[in-house]
Every structure is written in C-alpha cells, then in structure tokens.
Amino acid sequence: MRRWLPVLVISLAWAAPVAATAETPAPAECLYALPGRLELGVVGQPIGYSQDIFCVPNGDTVSNAVIEWGDGRTSQGTIAAHESGLVLVTGNHVYTSPGRFTIRATVTDEANGQSYSGGSEVGAEIRPSSVSSTGCDFTVRRGTPIRSREVALIRAGTPSTNLHATISWGDGTESRGAVTGNGTLRVSGSHRWRRFGRYAIIVTLMDASGHIVARATGRAVVVPGR
C-alpha cells in the first residue's frame, strides 16, 4: 500500500529593495497681478499709479519694485504690505507729451536665493495741458427728445477734424456725438429719456487713433411729462 505524505510548499516572492528618494521641492509660484485700469492725466501734472500685485504666498518679502512709465523712463515704486499675500505698489510720474502709454510695475521676490518677477500693466491717457472741458446742465421733460443739443464745450486748441465723441446718457445708453468748431469744440447729440430723474452725461472726445483727448461731465434733470 502506498502512503501519501503531505507536502508543504512555500512560495517566496523576491522584491527589489526600494531606494529612498529625496522629496522634490515644489516650484515657487510666480507673481501675478490684478487686472489694470485706465488712468487719465494731463501733460506737466503728476499722475499716480497704485496697483495690487500678488506676492509668492510663502511669507517671503518683496524686495524691489520698478515702474516703467511707457515713455522710456522708470522709477522705483513704493511697496506697502497688504492682506492675503498682496503687496501694494504705488508711484507718481509727470509726462512731458500727450498720448497713450502703458505703465508696468515689476516686483521681485527673493525666495531661496532665486528671483521671481511678475508685473501689472495699466493704460494711461495723457492729454495736452491746454485742454479744458465743461459739461452742460439742462432740464428736459420725460419722453421729450432733445435733438442736436449741445452737451459739452471743450477747449482743445485743435480743429475738430479727425476727432469724434461718444456720449453716455446716464441711462445705460450711448451714442455718437457731433463735434464742431476749431480750437473751441462743441459736442452735441440727440436723446430721449423715458424715466424722470437726474442723469450724468459723460462726453468722451477721442482722436483718430482712439486716444482720449478730453472728457466732460454734464447733468440732465428729467422732469415728469405733461
């Protein structure tokens, strides 16, 4: 008689040793900025720059800020501490010629011996120092249209050729204005208000390149109709 003996089978799985690896540090975040806005200024008068810029959110200190004014000149910006990892960069500048300029502020953060920079661009419209503007105030009845009504008087020292104007009527609508005159410009437009109240009329005068030459604000008081 044959006897069956129990056999114990042991399976050994071989695994390669896991080498210890050093943790790779996460790259530092670059700086970025909040959306810029349009600044309006006059030749020969200081224009201010004030912009919030995000800092690397690791508690490091922003060490330097430089503002490029778009006319070939730069200056050091003033850095102020701000909440939520923000820094506030401010500065002032005087332009010597009219036109449209792009202002860019760049801040530098020294983190672990490395520099990370980011910037914010803001547009600036600089108009001639001789420009003065006056908006017109008037009263009109609700529902009664005004036609070719003068809404602004602008002393720009330039003819109306190649200039155009837009008129914001204060009720959410906007239309093209007619520009006439030579040196002293008159802007007129047509409109009808359907509700009574007080409305700010904002007139923007621009040249052929889209540069803002002047702005004027008037007021319309719309009274109930008959």
Protein backbone atom coordinates (compact mmCIF):
# COMPACT_ATOMS: atom_id res chain seq x y z
CA MET A 1 0.00 0.00 0.00
CA ARG A 2 1.29 3.40 -0.92
CA ARG A 3 1.28 6.19 1.61
CA TRP A 4 0.84 9.83 0.55
CA LEU A 5 2.85 12.23 2.62
CA PRO A 6 1.72 15.87 2.93
CA VAL A 7 4.00 18.29 1.19
CA LEU A 8 4.30 21.88 2.36
CA VAL A 9 5.01 24.22 -0.49
CA ILE A 10 6.40 27.65 0.38
CA SER A 11 6.47 30.29 -2.33
CA LEU A 12 8.91 33.13 -1.85
CA ALA A 13 8.44 36.29 -3.91
CA TRP A 14 11.52 38.38 -4.38
CA ALA A 15 11.10 42.15 -4.34
CA ALA A 16 13.74 44.65 -5.28
CA PRO A 17 14.65 46.99 -2.45
CA VAL A 18 13.04 50.43 -2.65
CA ALA A 19 15.62 53.15 -2.73
CA ALA A 20 14.92 56.18 -0.60
CA THR A 21 14.43 59.29 -2.68
CA ALA A 22 14.65 62.87 -1.58
CA GLU A 23 11.41 64.85 -1.82
CA THR A 24 11.44 67.22 -4.77
CA PRO A 25 10.52 70.72 -3.63
CA ALA A 26 7.54 72.30 -5.32
CA PRO A 27 8.41 75.16 -7.62
CA ALA A 28 7.76 78.57 -6.23
CA GLU A 29 4.76 80.36 -7.61
CA CYS A 30 5.41 83.27 -9.91
CA LEU A 31 3.94 86.64 -9.18
CA TYR A 32 0.87 87.89 -10.96
CA ALA A 33 -1.32 90.94 -10.74
CA LEU A 34 -4.90 92.07 -10.66
CA PRO A 35 -6.31 93.46 -13.94
CA GLY A 36 -5.19 97.01 -14.61
CA ARG A 37 -7.32 100.04 -15.38
CA LEU A 38 -7.11 103.21 -17.44
CA GLU A 39 -5.54 106.29 -15.86
CA LEU A 40 -6.23 109.79 -17.20
CA GLY A 41 -3.73 112.61 -16.84
CA VAL A 42 -2.53 115.94 -18.20
CA VAL A 43 0.89 116.89 -19.55
CA GLY A 44 3.02 118.51 -16.85
CA GLN A 45 0.90 117.29 -13.95
CA PRO A 46 1.72 114.26 -11.76
CA ILE A 47 -0.19 111.09 -12.47
CA GLY A 48 -0.43 108.41 -9.82
CA TYR A 49 -0.04 104.64 -10.09
CA SER A 50 -1.49 102.32 -7.48
CA GLN A 51 -1.79 98.60 -8.10
CA ASP A 52 -2.23 95.45 -6.02
CA ILE A 53 0.18 92.67 -7.04
CA PHE A 54 0.10 89.13 -5.71
CA CYS A 55 3.25 88.00 -3.91
CA VAL A 56 4.68 84.48 -3.64
CA PRO A 57 2.46 83.06 -0.86
CA ASN A 58 5.21 81.71 1.36
CA GLY A 59 5.83 84.66 3.63
CA ASP A 60 8.83 85.91 1.69
CA THR A 61 9.36 89.62 1.41
CA VAL A 62 9.15 91.54 -1.84
CA SER A 63 12.46 93.34 -2.08
CA ASN A 64 12.11 95.66 -5.05
CA ALA A 65 9.55 97.34 -7.30
CA VAL A 66 10.26 99.18 -10.57
CA ILE A 67 7.66 101.15 -12.52
CA GLU A 68 8.09 101.58 -16.28
CA TRP A 69 6.02 104.58 -17.37
CA GLY A 70 5.93 103.80 -21.09
CA ASP A 71 7.77 106.92 -22.18
CA GLY A 72 11.25 105.46 -21.78
CA ARG A 73 11.58 106.37 -18.13
CA THR A 74 11.43 104.25 -14.98
CA SER A 75 11.32 104.92 -11.26
CA GLN A 76 11.36 102.97 -8.03
CA GLY A 77 7.92 102.06 -6.74
CA THR A 78 6.89 102.27 -3.12
CA ILE A 79 5.99 98.90 -1.58
CA ALA A 80 3.38 98.59 1.14
CA ALA A 81 2.33 95.41 2.94
CA HIS A 82 -1.14 94.19 2.16
CA GLU A 83 -3.50 91.40 3.15
CA SER A 84 -3.86 87.91 1.62
CA GLY A 85 -0.38 87.74 0.14
CA LEU A 86 -0.75 91.04 -1.71
CA VAL A 87 1.62 93.94 -1.93
CA LEU A 88 0.56 97.43 -2.95
CA VAL A 89 2.88 99.24 -5.38
CA THR A 90 2.48 103.00 -5.78
CA GLY A 91 4.32 105.75 -7.65
CA ASN A 92 3.99 109.12 -9.37
CA HIS A 93 5.19 110.44 -12.70
CA VAL A 94 5.00 113.55 -14.89
CA TYR A 95 4.61 113.12 -18.65
CA THR A 96 6.05 115.76 -20.98
CA SER A 97 3.95 114.89 -24.05
CA PRO A 98 0.39 113.74 -24.68
CA GLY A 99 -0.55 110.27 -25.90
CA ARG A 100 -1.33 106.77 -24.72
CA PHE A 101 1.19 104.96 -22.55
CA THR A 102 1.45 101.55 -20.92
CA ILE A 103 2.56 101.59 -17.30
CA ARG A 104 4.11 98.37 -16.00
CA ALA A 105 5.18 97.61 -12.46
CA THR A 106 7.51 94.70 -11.79
CA VAL A 107 8.11 93.37 -8.30
CA THR A 108 10.86 90.94 -7.35
CA ASP A 109 10.73 88.36 -4.57
CA GLU A 110 13.91 86.74 -3.24
CA ALA A 111 12.96 83.15 -2.39
CA ASN A 112 15.67 80.63 -1.53
CA GLY A 113 18.25 82.60 -3.45
CA GLN A 114 16.10 82.81 -6.57
CA SER A 115 14.30 85.79 -8.05
CA TYR A 116 10.74 85.60 -9.32
CA SER A 117 9.18 88.60 -11.00
CA GLY A 118 5.72 89.46 -12.21
CA GLY A 119 4.09 92.65 -13.37
CA SER A 120 0.88 94.53 -13.99
CA GLU A 121 0.09 96.73 -16.97
CA VAL A 122 -2.10 99.81 -16.74
CA GLY A 123 -3.01 102.14 -19.62
CA ALA A 124 -2.57 105.91 -19.31
CA GLU A 125 -4.19 108.57 -21.50
CA ILE A 126 -2.29 111.86 -21.22
CA ARG A 127 -3.96 114.89 -22.77
CA PRO A 128 -2.43 118.29 -23.60
CA SER A 129 -2.22 120.74 -20.74
CA SER A 130 -4.19 123.32 -22.73
CA VAL A 131 -7.32 121.16 -22.78
CA SER A 132 -10.26 122.21 -20.63
CA SER A 133 -13.74 120.80 -20.78
CA THR A 134 -17.16 121.74 -19.45
CA GLY A 135 -20.30 119.64 -19.47
CA CYS A 136 -23.70 121.24 -19.96
CA ASP A 137 -26.55 121.08 -17.45
CA PHE A 138 -30.16 121.33 -18.57
CA THR A 139 -33.71 120.28 -17.79
CA VAL A 140 -35.98 118.32 -20.11
CA ARG A 141 -39.38 116.66 -19.86
CA ARG A 142 -39.61 112.90 -19.80
CA GLY A 143 -40.31 111.48 -23.23
CA THR A 144 -39.44 114.73 -25.00
CA PRO A 145 -36.47 114.18 -27.33
CA ILE A 146 -33.52 116.53 -27.49
CA ARG A 147 -32.13 116.95 -30.98
CA SER A 148 -28.61 118.17 -31.71
CA ARG A 149 -28.39 119.52 -28.18
CA GLU A 150 -25.04 120.87 -27.06
CA VAL A 151 -23.80 118.70 -24.19
CA ALA A 152 -20.14 119.73 -23.83
CA LEU A 153 -17.76 122.60 -24.58
CA ILE A 154 -14.11 121.58 -24.97
CA ARG A 155 -11.17 123.96 -25.44
CA ALA A 156 -8.58 121.72 -27.02
CA GLY A 157 -6.66 124.17 -29.21
CA THR A 158 -7.18 121.88 -32.19
CA PRO A 159 -9.70 121.68 -35.05
CA SER A 160 -12.50 119.13 -34.96
CA THR A 161 -11.03 117.31 -37.97
CA ASN A 162 -10.39 113.63 -37.20
CA LEU A 163 -11.95 113.96 -33.76
CA HIS A 164 -15.03 112.04 -32.66
CA ALA A 165 -17.07 111.87 -29.48
CA THR A 166 -19.20 109.37 -27.65
CA ILE A 167 -21.96 110.41 -25.26
CA SER A 168 -23.05 108.26 -22.33
CA TRP A 169 -26.53 109.46 -21.38
CA GLY A 170 -26.61 108.05 -17.85
CA ASP A 171 -29.48 105.65 -18.50
CA GLY A 172 -27.35 102.81 -19.81
CA THR A 173 -27.32 104.02 -23.42
CA GLU A 174 -24.57 105.58 -25.50
CA SER A 175 -24.44 107.28 -28.89
CA ARG A 176 -22.07 109.10 -31.21
CA GLY A 177 -21.81 112.87 -30.75
CA ALA A 178 -21.25 115.51 -33.40
CA VAL A 179 -18.05 117.56 -32.99
CA THR A 180 -17.85 121.03 -34.49
CA GLY A 181 -15.61 124.06 -34.08
CA ASN A 182 -11.96 124.99 -34.35
CA GLY A 183 -9.98 125.31 -31.11
CA THR A 184 -13.14 125.57 -29.04
CA LEU A 185 -15.13 122.43 -29.81
CA ARG A 186 -18.81 121.85 -29.28
CA VAL A 187 -20.21 118.35 -28.84
CA SER A 188 -23.90 117.82 -29.47
CA GLY A 189 -26.22 114.83 -29.58
CA SER A 190 -29.81 113.63 -29.61
CA HIS A 191 -31.55 111.52 -27.00
CA ARG A 192 -34.79 110.79 -25.17
CA TRP A 193 -35.16 109.77 -21.53
CA ARG A 194 -38.13 107.58 -20.66
CA ARG A 195 -37.96 107.99 -16.89
CA PHE A 196 -37.66 111.12 -14.83
CA GLY A 197 -34.67 111.66 -12.55
CA ARG A 198 -31.13 113.05 -12.63
CA TYR A 199 -28.69 111.68 -15.19
CA ALA A 200 -24.93 112.21 -15.53
CA ILE A 201 -23.96 112.84 -19.17
CA ILE A 202 -20.36 111.80 -19.86
CA VAL A 203 -18.78 113.04 -23.09
CA THR A 204 -15.53 111.44 -24.29
CA LEU A 205 -13.59 113.12 -27.08
CA MET A 206 -11.07 110.96 -28.98
CA ASP A 207 -8.71 111.36 -31.89
CA ALA A 208 -8.45 109.13 -34.97
CA SER A 209 -6.15 106.70 -33.13
CA GLY A 210 -8.60 106.22 -30.29
CA HIS A 211 -6.62 108.33 -27.82
CA ILE A 212 -8.74 110.19 -25.32
CA VAL A 213 -8.35 113.95 -25.79
CA ALA A 214 -10.79 115.11 -23.13
CA ARG A 215 -13.75 114.13 -21.00
CA ALA A 216 -16.60 116.29 -19.79
CA THR A 217 -19.49 115.55 -17.45
CA GLY A 218 -22.81 117.36 -17.54
CA ARG A 219 -26.19 116.70 -15.98
CA ALA A 220 -29.72 116.29 -17.27
CA VAL A 221 -32.67 116.74 -14.94
CA VAL A 222 -35.63 114.88 -16.44
CA VAL A 223 -38.98 116.02 -15.03
CA PRO A 224 -42.36 114.31 -15.44
CA GLY A 225 -44.06 115.00 -18.75
CA ARG A 226 -47.40 116.66 -19.16
